[in-house]
Amino acid sequence: MTQAGQTLAALIGSVAVAVGQAKPSLGLDQLRQRHPNAYRPWTDEADALLTERFQAGAPLVDLAGEFGRKTSAIVARLVRLGLLPPDHPQTDAQLAAYLPTAARDDKVDWI
């Protein structure tokens, strides 16, 4: 993204936060401290491994850690690969509400 594009995106985000329409978001550098592969392209090899691990029953939270991505990114990719239905909860808020209470109480890092 160009410098002008980054400035415009930051300005739009600031306005949305100011009027209460969005939560402040982490910068990409901060996000990648927690999720090193956030917003990086998926490779065919990563897709194959994700498919294998998901079909073996790995929990979504574990997959997020293994792939260095947010849980919502894992769900979105599984939907794209046809492994989850399109109506499966995808946003962090939807996923948190979808989890059993015990899992939510474990203070899972959804960001």
PDB file of N, CA and C in Angstrom:
ATOM      1  N   MET A   1       0.853  -1.158   0.000  1.00  0.00           N
ATOM      2  CA  MET A   1       0.000   0.000   0.000  1.00  0.00           C
ATOM      3  C   MET A   1       0.909   1.234   0.000  1.00  0.00           C
ATOM      4  N   THR A   2       0.532   2.234  -0.758  1.00  0.00           N
ATOM      5  CA  THR A   2       1.319   3.455  -0.820  1.00  0.00           C
ATOM      6  C   THR A   2       1.183   4.238   0.483  1.00  0.00           C
ATOM      7  N   GLN A   3       2.081   5.200   0.661  1.00  0.00           N
ATOM      8  CA  GLN A   3       2.024   6.043   1.860  1.00  0.00           C
ATOM      9  C   GLN A   3       0.686   6.782   1.918  1.00  0.00           C
ATOM     10  N   ALA A   4       0.227   7.291   0.767  1.00  0.00           N
ATOM     11  CA  ALA A   4      -1.054   7.997   0.735  1.00  0.00           C
ATOM     12  C   ALA A   4      -2.198   7.056   1.103  1.00  0.00           C
ATOM     13  N   GLY A   5      -2.139   5.830   0.618  1.00  0.00           N
ATOM     14  CA  GLY A   5      -3.173   4.844   0.943  1.00  0.00           C
ATOM     15  C   GLY A   5      -3.177   4.510   2.420  1.00  0.00           C
ATOM     16  N   GLN A   6      -1.994   4.372   3.013  1.00  0.00           N
ATOM     17  CA  GLN A   6      -1.902   4.086   4.440  1.00  0.00           C
ATOM     18  C   GLN A   6      -2.451   5.242   5.264  1.00  0.00           C
ATOM     19  N   THR A   7      -2.125   6.458   4.843  1.00  0.00           N
ATOM     20  CA  THR A   7      -2.624   7.638   5.553  1.00  0.00           C
ATOM     21  C   THR A   7      -4.143   7.710   5.481  1.00  0.00           C
ATOM     22  N   LEU A   8      -4.689   7.466   4.288  1.00  0.00           N
ATOM     23  CA  LEU A   8      -6.137   7.495   4.118  1.00  0.00           C
ATOM     24  C   LEU A   8      -6.807   6.403   4.953  1.00  0.00           C
ATOM     25  N   ALA A   9      -6.249   5.202   4.939  1.00  0.00           N
ATOM     26  CA  ALA A   9      -6.820   4.108   5.729  1.00  0.00           C
ATOM     27  C   ALA A   9      -6.799   4.442   7.222  1.00  0.00           C
ATOM     28  N   ALA A  10      -5.705   5.022   7.688  1.00  0.00           N
ATOM     29  CA  ALA A  10      -5.610   5.403   9.105  1.00  0.00           C
ATOM     30  C   ALA A  10      -6.631   6.477   9.448  1.00  0.00           C
ATOM     31  N   LEU A  11      -6.801   7.445   8.557  1.00  0.00           N
ATOM     32  CA  LEU A  11      -7.768   8.519   8.786  1.00  0.00           C
ATOM     33  C   LEU A  11      -9.186   7.969   8.838  1.00  0.00           C
ATOM     34  N   ILE A  12      -9.531   7.100   7.904  1.00  0.00           N
ATOM     35  CA  ILE A  12     -10.872   6.504   7.888  1.00  0.00           C
ATOM     36  C   ILE A  12     -11.090   5.678   9.152  1.00  0.00           C
ATOM     37  N   GLY A  13     -10.085   4.910   9.547  1.00  0.00           N
ATOM     38  CA  GLY A  13     -10.192   4.129  10.777  1.00  0.00           C
ATOM     39  C   GLY A  13     -10.371   5.000  11.995  1.00  0.00           C
ATOM     40  N   SER A  14      -9.657   6.127  12.059  1.00  0.00           N
ATOM     41  CA  SER A  14      -9.780   7.046  13.189  1.00  0.00           C
ATOM     42  C   SER A  14     -11.169   7.655  13.265  1.00  0.00           C
ATOM     43  N   VAL A  15     -11.719   8.018  12.116  1.00  0.00           N
ATOM     44  CA  VAL A  15     -13.068   8.585  12.083  1.00  0.00           C
ATOM     45  C   VAL A  15     -14.080   7.549  12.541  1.00  0.00           C
ATOM     46  N   ALA A  16     -13.949   6.311  12.068  1.00  0.00           N
ATOM     47  CA  ALA A  16     -14.885   5.250  12.464  1.00  0.00           C
ATOM     48  C   ALA A  16     -14.826   5.005  13.965  1.00  0.00           C
ATOM     49  N   VAL A  17     -13.628   5.026  14.530  1.00  0.00           N
ATOM     50  CA  VAL A  17     -13.480   4.839  15.973  1.00  0.00           C
ATOM     51  C   VAL A  17     -14.105   6.016  16.706  1.00  0.00           C
ATOM     52  N   ALA A  18     -13.872   7.223  16.212  1.00  0.00           N
ATOM     53  CA  ALA A  18     -14.381   8.418  16.875  1.00  0.00           C
ATOM     54  C   ALA A  18     -15.904   8.444  16.928  1.00  0.00           C
ATOM     55  N   VAL A  19     -16.563   7.925  15.904  1.00  0.00           N
ATOM     56  CA  VAL A  19     -18.029   7.930  15.902  1.00  0.00           C
ATOM     57  C   VAL A  19     -18.595   6.620  16.449  1.00  0.00           C
ATOM     58  N   GLY A  20     -17.716   5.773  16.987  1.00  0.00           N
ATOM     59  CA  GLY A  20     -18.170   4.554  17.647  1.00  0.00           C
ATOM     60  C   GLY A  20     -18.573   3.437  16.715  1.00  0.00           C
ATOM     61  N   GLN A  21     -18.123   3.466  15.476  1.00  0.00           N
ATOM     62  CA  GLN A  21     -18.514   2.431  14.526  1.00  0.00           C
ATOM     63  C   GLN A  21     -17.486   1.324  14.409  1.00  0.00           C
ATOM     64  N   ALA A  22     -16.351   1.467  15.027  1.00  0.00           N
ATOM     65  CA  ALA A  22     -15.322   0.435  14.924  1.00  0.00           C
ATOM     66  C   ALA A  22     -14.449   0.476  16.165  1.00  0.00           C
ATOM     67  N   LYS A  23     -13.833  -0.662  16.450  1.00  0.00           N
ATOM     68  CA  LYS A  23     -12.865  -0.721  17.527  1.00  0.00           C
ATOM     69  C   LYS A  23     -11.513  -0.276  16.968  1.00  0.00           C
ATOM     70  N   PRO A  24     -10.667   0.329  17.792  1.00  0.00           N
ATOM     71  CA  PRO A  24      -9.328   0.640  17.310  1.00  0.00           C
ATOM     72  C   PRO A  24      -8.636  -0.658  16.920  1.00  0.00           C
ATOM     73  N   SER A  25      -7.922  -0.653  15.822  1.00  0.00           N
ATOM     74  CA  SER A  25      -7.257  -1.874  15.392  1.00  0.00           C
ATOM     75  C   SER A  25      -5.760  -1.768  15.638  1.00  0.00           C
ATOM     76  N   LEU A  26      -5.144  -2.902  15.723  1.00  0.00           N
ATOM     77  CA  LEU A  26      -3.704  -2.942  15.881  1.00  0.00           C
ATOM     78  C   LEU A  26      -3.059  -2.639  14.541  1.00  0.00           C
ATOM     79  N   GLY A  27      -1.898  -2.020  14.566  1.00  0.00           N
ATOM     80  CA  GLY A  27      -1.133  -1.850  13.338  1.00  0.00           C
ATOM     81  C   GLY A  27      -0.653  -3.222  12.884  1.00  0.00           C
ATOM     82  N   LEU A  28      -0.294  -3.322  11.622  1.00  0.00           N
ATOM     83  CA  LEU A  28       0.144  -4.601  11.075  1.00  0.00           C
ATOM     84  C   LEU A  28       1.357  -5.141  11.829  1.00  0.00           C
ATOM     85  N   ASP A  29       2.292  -4.257  12.179  1.00  0.00           N
ATOM     86  CA  ASP A  29       3.469  -4.720  12.925  1.00  0.00           C
ATOM     87  C   ASP A  29       3.076  -5.306  14.277  1.00  0.00           C
ATOM     88  N   GLN A  30       2.147  -4.639  14.975  1.00  0.00           N
ATOM     89  CA  GLN A  30       1.689  -5.148  16.271  1.00  0.00           C
ATOM     90  C   GLN A  30       0.932  -6.456  16.086  1.00  0.00           C
ATOM     91  N   LEU A  31       0.110  -6.519  15.067  1.00  0.00           N
ATOM     92  CA  LEU A  31      -0.662  -7.732  14.807  1.00  0.00           C
ATOM     93  C   LEU A  31       0.265  -8.903  14.511  1.00  0.00           C
ATOM     94  N   ARG A  32       1.310  -8.644  13.738  1.00  0.00           N
ATOM     95  CA  ARG A  32       2.243  -9.720  13.382  1.00  0.00           C
ATOM     96  C   ARG A  32       3.120 -10.148  14.548  1.00  0.00           C
ATOM     97  N   GLN A  33       3.178  -9.351  15.610  1.00  0.00           N
ATOM     98  CA  GLN A  33       3.880  -9.810  16.806  1.00  0.00           C
ATOM     99  C   GLN A  33       3.124 -10.986  17.416  1.00  0.00           C
ATOM    100  N   ARG A  34       1.806 -10.953  17.323  1.00  0.00           N
ATOM    101  CA  ARG A  34       0.976 -12.037  17.854  1.00  0.00           C
ATOM    102  C   ARG A  34       0.713 -13.120  16.816  1.00  0.00           C
ATOM    103  N   HIS A  35       0.561 -12.696  15.563  1.00  0.00           N
ATOM    104  CA  HIS A  35       0.205 -13.615  14.473  1.00  0.00           C
ATOM    105  C   HIS A  35       1.130 -13.334  13.290  1.00  0.00           C
ATOM    106  N   PRO A  36       2.293 -13.981  13.251  1.00  0.00           N
ATOM    107  CA  PRO A  36       3.333 -13.645  12.271  1.00  0.00           C
ATOM    108  C   PRO A  36       2.899 -13.717  10.804  1.00  0.00           C
ATOM    109  N   ASN A  37       1.913 -14.517  10.488  1.00  0.00           N
ATOM    110  CA  ASN A  37       1.498 -14.651   9.093  1.00  0.00           C
ATOM    111  C   ASN A  37       0.224 -13.882   8.751  1.00  0.00           C
ATOM    112  N   ALA A  38      -0.199 -13.005   9.640  1.00  0.00           N
ATOM    113  CA  ALA A  38      -1.421 -12.221   9.403  1.00  0.00           C
ATOM    114  C   ALA A  38      -1.311 -11.477   8.071  1.00  0.00           C
ATOM    115  N   TYR A  39      -2.333 -11.639   7.249  1.00  0.00           N
ATOM    116  CA  TYR A  39      -2.467 -10.968   5.953  1.00  0.00           C
ATOM    117  C   TYR A  39      -1.408 -11.368   4.932  1.00  0.00           C
ATOM    118  N   ARG A  40      -0.657 -12.396   5.207  1.00  0.00           N
ATOM    119  CA  ARG A  40       0.270 -12.911   4.195  1.00  0.00           C
ATOM    120  C   ARG A  40      -0.507 -13.885   3.302  1.00  0.00           C
ATOM    121  N   PRO A  41      -0.101 -14.030   2.053  1.00  0.00           N
ATOM    122  CA  PRO A  41      -0.800 -14.973   1.167  1.00  0.00           C
ATOM    123  C   PRO A  41      -0.630 -16.414   1.645  1.00  0.00           C
ATOM    124  N   TRP A  42      -1.647 -17.227   1.392  1.00  0.00           N
ATOM    125  CA  TRP A  42      -1.580 -18.648   1.698  1.00  0.00           C
ATOM    126  C   TRP A  42      -0.854 -19.356   0.561  1.00  0.00           C
ATOM    127  N   THR A  43      -0.046 -20.352   0.897  1.00  0.00           N
ATOM    128  CA  THR A  43       0.624 -21.163  -0.120  1.00  0.00           C
ATOM    129  C   THR A  43      -0.155 -22.456  -0.309  1.00  0.00           C
ATOM    130  N   ASP A  44       0.112 -23.133  -1.410  1.00  0.00           N
ATOM    131  CA  ASP A  44      -0.516 -24.438  -1.634  1.00  0.00           C
ATOM    132  C   ASP A  44      -0.117 -25.423  -0.538  1.00  0.00           C
ATOM    133  N   GLU A  45       1.133 -25.323  -0.107  1.00  0.00           N
ATOM    134  CA  GLU A  45       1.618 -26.226   0.947  1.00  0.00           C
ATOM    135  C   GLU A  45       0.890 -25.964   2.264  1.00  0.00           C
ATOM    136  N   ALA A  46       0.684 -24.694   2.596  1.00  0.00           N
ATOM    137  CA  ALA A  46      -0.029 -24.351   3.833  1.00  0.00           C
ATOM    138  C   ALA A  46      -1.484 -24.807   3.748  1.00  0.00           C
ATOM    139  N   ASP A  47      -2.106 -24.633   2.575  1.00  0.00           N
ATOM    140  CA  ASP A  47      -3.482 -25.104   2.397  1.00  0.00           C
ATOM    141  C   ASP A  47      -3.574 -26.613   2.604  1.00  0.00           C
ATOM    142  N   ALA A  48      -2.612 -27.350   2.056  1.00  0.00           N
ATOM    143  CA  ALA A  48      -2.621 -28.807   2.193  1.00  0.00           C
ATOM    144  C   ALA A  48      -2.445 -29.216   3.657  1.00  0.00           C
ATOM    145  N   LEU A  49      -1.522 -28.557   4.350  1.00  0.00           N
ATOM    146  CA  LEU A  49      -1.292 -28.880   5.761  1.00  0.00           C
ATOM    147  C   LEU A  49      -2.499 -28.490   6.611  1.00  0.00           C
ATOM    148  N   LEU A  50      -3.095 -27.332   6.333  1.00  0.00           N
ATOM    149  CA  LEU A  50      -4.294 -26.916   7.061  1.00  0.00           C
ATOM    150  C   LEU A  50      -5.410 -27.937   6.866  1.00  0.00           C
ATOM    151  N   THR A  51      -5.609 -28.364   5.643  1.00  0.00           N
ATOM    152  CA  THR A  51      -6.631 -29.371   5.347  1.00  0.00           C
ATOM    153  C   THR A  51      -6.369 -30.649   6.131  1.00  0.00           C
ATOM    154  N   GLU A  52      -5.139 -31.098   6.101  1.00  0.00           N
ATOM    155  CA  GLU A  52      -4.764 -32.341   6.805  1.00  0.00           C
ATOM    156  C   GLU A  52      -4.999 -32.217   8.307  1.00  0.00           C
ATOM    157  N   ARG A  53      -4.520 -31.126   8.901  1.00  0.00           N
ATOM    158  CA  ARG A  53      -4.655 -30.940  10.352  1.00  0.00           C
ATOM    159  C   ARG A  53      -6.114 -30.773  10.768  1.00  0.00           C
ATOM    160  N   PHE A  54      -6.895 -30.034   9.958  1.00  0.00           N
ATOM    161  CA  PHE A  54      -8.305 -29.835  10.276  1.00  0.00           C
ATOM    162  C   PHE A  54      -9.061 -31.157  10.198  1.00  0.00           C
ATOM    163  N   GLN A  55      -8.805 -31.922   9.153  1.00  0.00           N
ATOM    164  CA  GLN A  55      -9.488 -33.209   8.996  1.00  0.00           C
ATOM    165  C   GLN A  55      -9.061 -34.216  10.059  1.00  0.00           C
ATOM    166  N   ALA A  56      -7.896 -34.006  10.658  1.00  0.00           N
ATOM    167  CA  ALA A  56      -7.431 -34.862  11.748  1.00  0.00           C
ATOM    168  C   ALA A  56      -8.050 -34.452  13.084  1.00  0.00           C
ATOM    169  N   GLY A  57      -8.800 -33.341  13.077  1.00  0.00           N
ATOM    170  CA  GLY A  57      -9.505 -32.927  14.284  1.00  0.00           C
ATOM    171  C   GLY A  57      -8.815 -31.876  15.130  1.00  0.00           C
ATOM    172  N   ALA A  58      -7.800 -31.211  14.593  1.00  0.00           N
ATOM    173  CA  ALA A  58      -7.110 -30.178  15.371  1.00  0.00           C
ATOM    174  C   ALA A  58      -8.071 -29.030  15.673  1.00  0.00           C
ATOM    175  N   PRO A  59      -8.093 -28.540  16.910  1.00  0.00           N
ATOM    176  CA  PRO A  59      -8.952 -27.401  17.262  1.00  0.00           C
ATOM    177  C   PRO A  59      -8.546 -26.135  16.498  1.00  0.00           C
ATOM    178  N   LEU A  60      -9.517 -25.287  16.215  1.00  0.00           N
ATOM    179  CA  LEU A  60      -9.257 -24.059  15.466  1.00  0.00           C
ATOM    180  C   LEU A  60      -8.214 -23.186  16.150  1.00  0.00           C
ATOM    181  N   VAL A  61      -8.281 -23.085  17.467  1.00  0.00           N
ATOM    182  CA  VAL A  61      -7.330 -22.256  18.206  1.00  0.00           C
ATOM    183  C   VAL A  61      -5.910 -22.804  18.032  1.00  0.00           C
ATOM    184  N   ASP A  62      -5.759 -24.116  18.041  1.00  0.00           N
ATOM    185  CA  ASP A  62      -4.449 -24.718  17.829  1.00  0.00           C
ATOM    186  C   ASP A  62      -3.947 -24.440  16.418  1.00  0.00           C
ATOM    187  N   LEU A  63      -4.839 -24.545  15.447  1.00  0.00           N
ATOM    188  CA  LEU A  63      -4.457 -24.269  14.058  1.00  0.00           C
ATOM    189  C   LEU A  63      -4.004 -22.818  13.899  1.00  0.00           C
ATOM    190  N   ALA A  64      -4.688 -21.922  14.565  1.00  0.00           N
ATOM    191  CA  ALA A  64      -4.301 -20.508  14.498  1.00  0.00           C
ATOM    192  C   ALA A  64      -2.870 -20.331  14.993  1.00  0.00           C
ATOM    193  N   GLY A  65      -2.542 -20.968  16.100  1.00  0.00           N
ATOM    194  CA  GLY A  65      -1.184 -20.880  16.622  1.00  0.00           C
ATOM    195  C   GLY A  65      -0.161 -21.504  15.696  1.00  0.00           C
ATOM    196  N   GLU A  66      -0.488 -22.667  15.150  1.00  0.00           N
ATOM    197  CA  GLU A  66       0.436 -23.373  14.256  1.00  0.00           C
ATOM    198  C   GLU A  66       0.720 -22.580  12.986  1.00  0.00           C
ATOM    199  N   PHE A  67      -0.302 -21.901  12.474  1.00  0.00           N
ATOM    200  CA  PHE A  67      -0.156 -21.190  11.208  1.00  0.00           C
ATOM    201  C   PHE A  67       0.164 -19.706  11.395  1.00  0.00           C
ATOM    202  N   GLY A  68       0.248 -19.255  12.648  1.00  0.00           N
ATOM    203  CA  GLY A  68       0.593 -17.862  12.909  1.00  0.00           C
ATOM    204  C   GLY A  68      -0.445 -16.891  12.398  1.00  0.00           C
ATOM    205  N   ARG A  69      -1.721 -17.266  12.539  1.00  0.00           N
ATOM    206  CA  ARG A  69      -2.820 -16.442  12.043  1.00  0.00           C
ATOM    207  C   ARG A  69      -3.918 -16.365  13.092  1.00  0.00           C
ATOM    208  N   LYS A  70      -4.823 -15.401  12.913  1.00  0.00           N
ATOM    209  CA  LYS A  70      -5.973 -15.293  13.803  1.00  0.00           C
ATOM    210  C   LYS A  70      -6.902 -16.481  13.563  1.00  0.00           C
ATOM    211  N   THR A  71      -7.649 -16.848  14.585  1.00  0.00           N
ATOM    212  CA  THR A  71      -8.610 -17.942  14.451  1.00  0.00           C
ATOM    213  C   THR A  71      -9.616 -17.629  13.351  1.00  0.00           C
ATOM    214  N   SER A  72     -10.045 -16.383  13.265  1.00  0.00           N
ATOM    215  CA  SER A  72     -11.006 -16.017  12.220  1.00  0.00           C
ATOM    216  C   SER A  72     -10.404 -16.201  10.824  1.00  0.00           C
ATOM    217  N   ALA A  73      -9.096 -16.007  10.671  1.00  0.00           N
ATOM    218  CA  ALA A  73      -8.442 -16.227   9.373  1.00  0.00           C
ATOM    219  C   ALA A  73      -8.423 -17.712   9.026  1.00  0.00           C
ATOM    220  N   ILE A  74      -8.227 -18.554  10.036  1.00  0.00           N
ATOM    221  CA  ILE A  74      -8.250 -20.001   9.801  1.00  0.00           C
ATOM    222  C   ILE A  74      -9.640 -20.421   9.338  1.00  0.00           C
ATOM    223  N   VAL A  75     -10.669 -19.932  10.020  1.00  0.00           N
ATOM    224  CA  VAL A  75     -12.041 -20.273   9.643  1.00  0.00           C
ATOM    225  C   VAL A  75     -12.335 -19.798   8.224  1.00  0.00           C
ATOM    226  N   ALA A  76     -11.947 -18.570   7.909  1.00  0.00           N
ATOM    227  CA  ALA A  76     -12.198 -18.037   6.564  1.00  0.00           C
ATOM    228  C   ALA A  76     -11.520 -18.897   5.507  1.00  0.00           C
ATOM    229  N   ARG A  77     -10.305 -19.361   5.799  1.00  0.00           N
ATOM    230  CA  ARG A  77      -9.594 -20.201   4.821  1.00  0.00           C
ATOM    231  C   ARG A  77     -10.264 -21.562   4.686  1.00  0.00           C
ATOM    232  N   LEU A  78     -10.712 -22.125   5.803  1.00  0.00           N
ATOM    233  CA  LEU A  78     -11.405 -23.418   5.744  1.00  0.00           C
ATOM    234  C   LEU A  78     -12.711 -23.309   4.957  1.00  0.00           C
ATOM    235  N   VAL A  79     -13.389 -22.183   5.081  1.00  0.00           N
ATOM    236  CA  VAL A  79     -14.600 -21.952   4.280  1.00  0.00           C
ATOM    237  C   VAL A  79     -14.209 -21.889   2.810  1.00  0.00           C
ATOM    238  N   ARG A  80     -13.174 -21.138   2.502  1.00  0.00           N
ATOM    239  CA  ARG A  80     -12.725 -20.999   1.113  1.00  0.00           C
ATOM    240  C   ARG A  80     -12.307 -22.344   0.516  1.00  0.00           C
ATOM    241  N   LEU A  81     -11.737 -23.216   1.340  1.00  0.00           N
ATOM    242  CA  LEU A  81     -11.312 -24.541   0.881  1.00  0.00           C
ATOM    243  C   LEU A  81     -12.477 -25.532   0.831  1.00  0.00           C
ATOM    244  N   GLY A  82     -13.657 -25.098   1.256  1.00  0.00           N
ATOM    245  CA  GLY A  82     -14.826 -25.966   1.220  1.00  0.00           C
ATOM    246  C   GLY A  82     -14.900 -26.948   2.373  1.00  0.00           C
ATOM    247  N   LEU A  83     -14.118 -26.707   3.414  1.00  0.00           N
ATOM    248  CA  LEU A  83     -14.088 -27.618   4.560  1.00  0.00           C
ATOM    249  C   LEU A  83     -15.049 -27.219   5.671  1.00  0.00           C
ATOM    250  N   LEU A  84     -15.520 -25.988   5.630  1.00  0.00           N
ATOM    251  CA  LEU A  84     -16.560 -25.501   6.541  1.00  0.00           C
ATOM    252  C   LEU A  84     -17.635 -24.831   5.696  1.00  0.00           C
ATOM    253  N   PRO A  85     -18.879 -24.856   6.153  1.00  0.00           N
ATOM    254  CA  PRO A  85     -19.945 -24.208   5.387  1.00  0.00           C
ATOM    255  C   PRO A  85     -19.795 -22.689   5.417  1.00  0.00           C
ATOM    256  N   PRO A  86     -20.280 -22.004   4.375  1.00  0.00           N
ATOM    257  CA  PRO A  86     -20.157 -20.543   4.318  1.00  0.00           C
ATOM    258  C   PRO A  86     -20.819 -19.813   5.483  1.00  0.00           C
ATOM    259  N   ASP A  87     -21.809 -20.434   6.112  1.00  0.00           N
ATOM    260  CA  ASP A  87     -22.493 -19.765   7.221  1.00  0.00           C
ATOM    261  C   ASP A  87     -21.835 -20.043   8.574  1.00  0.00           C
ATOM    262  N   HIS A  88     -20.686 -20.694   8.597  1.00  0.00           N
ATOM    263  CA  HIS A  88     -19.969 -20.942   9.842  1.00  0.00           C
ATOM    264  C   HIS A  88     -19.512 -19.605  10.415  1.00  0.00           C
ATOM    265  N   PRO A  89     -19.596 -19.418  11.738  1.00  0.00           N
ATOM    266  CA  PRO A  89     -19.128 -18.163  12.336  1.00  0.00           C
ATOM    267  C   PRO A  89     -17.691 -17.868  11.912  1.00  0.00           C
ATOM    268  N   GLN A  90     -17.444 -16.612  11.503  1.00  0.00           N
ATOM    269  CA  GLN A  90     -16.112 -16.269  11.001  1.00  0.00           C
ATOM    270  C   GLN A  90     -15.434 -15.125  11.740  1.00  0.00           C
ATOM    271  N   THR A  91     -16.197 -14.159  12.220  1.00  0.00           N
ATOM    272  CA  THR A  91     -15.555 -13.046  12.916  1.00  0.00           C
ATOM    273  C   THR A  91     -15.182 -13.474  14.329  1.00  0.00           C
ATOM    274  N   ASP A  92     -14.285 -12.720  14.931  1.00  0.00           N
ATOM    275  CA  ASP A  92     -13.862 -13.046  16.296  1.00  0.00           C
ATOM    276  C   ASP A  92     -15.048 -13.061  17.251  1.00  0.00           C
ATOM    277  N   ALA A  93     -15.952 -12.095  17.121  1.00  0.00           N
ATOM    278  CA  ALA A  93     -17.122 -12.034  18.008  1.00  0.00           C
ATOM    279  C   ALA A  93     -18.033 -13.234  17.782  1.00  0.00           C
ATOM    280  N   GLN A  94     -18.249 -13.598  16.536  1.00  0.00           N
ATOM    281  CA  GLN A  94     -19.107 -14.756  16.240  1.00  0.00           C
ATOM    282  C   GLN A  94     -18.468 -16.034  16.762  1.00  0.00           C
ATOM    283  N   LEU A  95     -17.164 -16.174  16.597  1.00  0.00           N
ATOM    284  CA  LEU A  95     -16.483 -17.371  17.077  1.00  0.00           C
ATOM    285  C   LEU A  95     -16.542 -17.465  18.594  1.00  0.00           C
ATOM    286  N   ALA A  96     -16.340 -16.341  19.273  1.00  0.00           N
ATOM    287  CA  ALA A  96     -16.390 -16.346  20.737  1.00  0.00           C
ATOM    288  C   ALA A  96     -17.770 -16.759  21.228  1.00  0.00           C
ATOM    289  N   ALA A  97     -18.811 -16.284  20.566  1.00  0.00           N
ATOM    290  CA  ALA A  97     -20.177 -16.636  20.954  1.00  0.00           C
ATOM    291  C   ALA A  97     -20.479 -18.095  20.632  1.00  0.00           C
ATOM    292  N   TYR A  98     -19.810 -18.637  19.627  1.00  0.00           N
ATOM    293  CA  TYR A  98     -20.030 -20.001  19.160  1.00  0.00           C
ATOM    294  C   TYR A  98     -19.402 -21.041  20.089  1.00  0.00           C
ATOM    295  N   LEU A  99     -18.343 -20.623  20.795  1.00  0.00           N
ATOM    296  CA  LEU A  99     -17.632 -21.555  21.671  1.00  0.00           C
ATOM    297  C   LEU A  99     -18.450 -21.908  22.897  1.00  0.00           C
ATOM    298  N   PRO A 100     -18.269 -23.103  23.399  1.00  0.00           N
ATOM    299  CA  PRO A 100     -18.880 -23.427  24.695  1.00  0.00           C
ATOM    300  C   PRO A 100     -18.322 -22.491  25.761  1.00  0.00           C
ATOM    301  N   THR A 101     -19.095 -22.246  26.796  1.00  0.00           N
ATOM    302  CA  THR A 101     -18.689 -21.326  27.858  1.00  0.00           C
ATOM    303  C   THR A 101     -17.334 -21.699  28.438  1.00  0.00           C
ATOM    304  N   ALA A 102     -17.067 -22.959  28.642  1.00  0.00           N
ATOM    305  CA  ALA A 102     -15.787 -23.383  29.231  1.00  0.00           C
ATOM    306  C   ALA A 102     -14.620 -22.928  28.376  1.00  0.00           C
ATOM    307  N   ALA A 103     -14.745 -23.009  27.059  1.00  0.00           N
ATOM    308  CA  ALA A 103     -13.661 -22.589  26.175  1.00  0.00           C
ATOM    309  C   ALA A 103     -13.477 -21.082  26.238  1.00  0.00           C
ATOM    310  N   ARG A 104     -14.581 -20.326  26.329  1.00  0.00           N
ATOM    311  CA  ARG A 104     -14.483 -18.874  26.420  1.00  0.00           C
ATOM    312  C   ARG A 104     -13.803 -18.468  27.720  1.00  0.00           C
ATOM    313  N   ASP A 105     -14.014 -19.232  28.769  1.00  0.00           N
ATOM    314  CA  ASP A 105     -13.446 -18.909  30.062  1.00  0.00           C
ATOM    315  C   ASP A 105     -11.934 -19.137  30.123  1.00  0.00           C
ATOM    316  N   ASP A 106     -11.386 -19.832  29.122  1.00  0.00           N
ATOM    317  CA  ASP A 106      -9.947 -20.067  29.086  1.00  0.00           C
ATOM    318  C   ASP A 106      -9.160 -18.848  28.630  1.00  0.00           C
ATOM    319  N   LYS A 107      -9.868 -17.732  28.366  1.00  0.00           N
ATOM    320  CA  LYS A 107      -9.247 -16.492  27.940  1.00  0.00           C
ATOM    321  C   LYS A 107      -8.411 -16.682  26.680  1.00  0.00           C
ATOM    322  N   VAL A 108      -9.004 -17.268  25.684  1.00  0.00           N
ATOM    323  CA  VAL A 108      -8.335 -17.492  24.403  1.00  0.00           C
ATOM    324  C   VAL A 108      -8.049 -16.147  23.750  1.00  0.00           C
ATOM    325  N   ASP A 109      -6.862 -15.989  23.189  1.00  0.00           N
ATOM    326  CA  ASP A 109      -6.480 -14.759  22.507  1.00  0.00           C
ATOM    327  C   ASP A 109      -7.074 -14.762  21.102  1.00  0.00           C
ATOM    328  N   TRP A 110      -8.152 -14.022  20.917  1.00  0.00           N
ATOM    329  CA  TRP A 110      -8.837 -14.000  19.610  1.00  0.00           C
ATOM    330  C   TRP A 110      -8.296 -12.946  18.692  1.00  0.00           C
ATOM    331  N   ILE A 111      -7.500 -12.031  19.177  1.00  0.00           N
ATOM    332  CA  ILE A 111      -7.042 -10.919  18.344  1.00  0.00           C
ATOM    333  C   ILE A 111      -5.912 -11.361  17.445  1.00  0.00           C
TER     334      ILE A 111
END
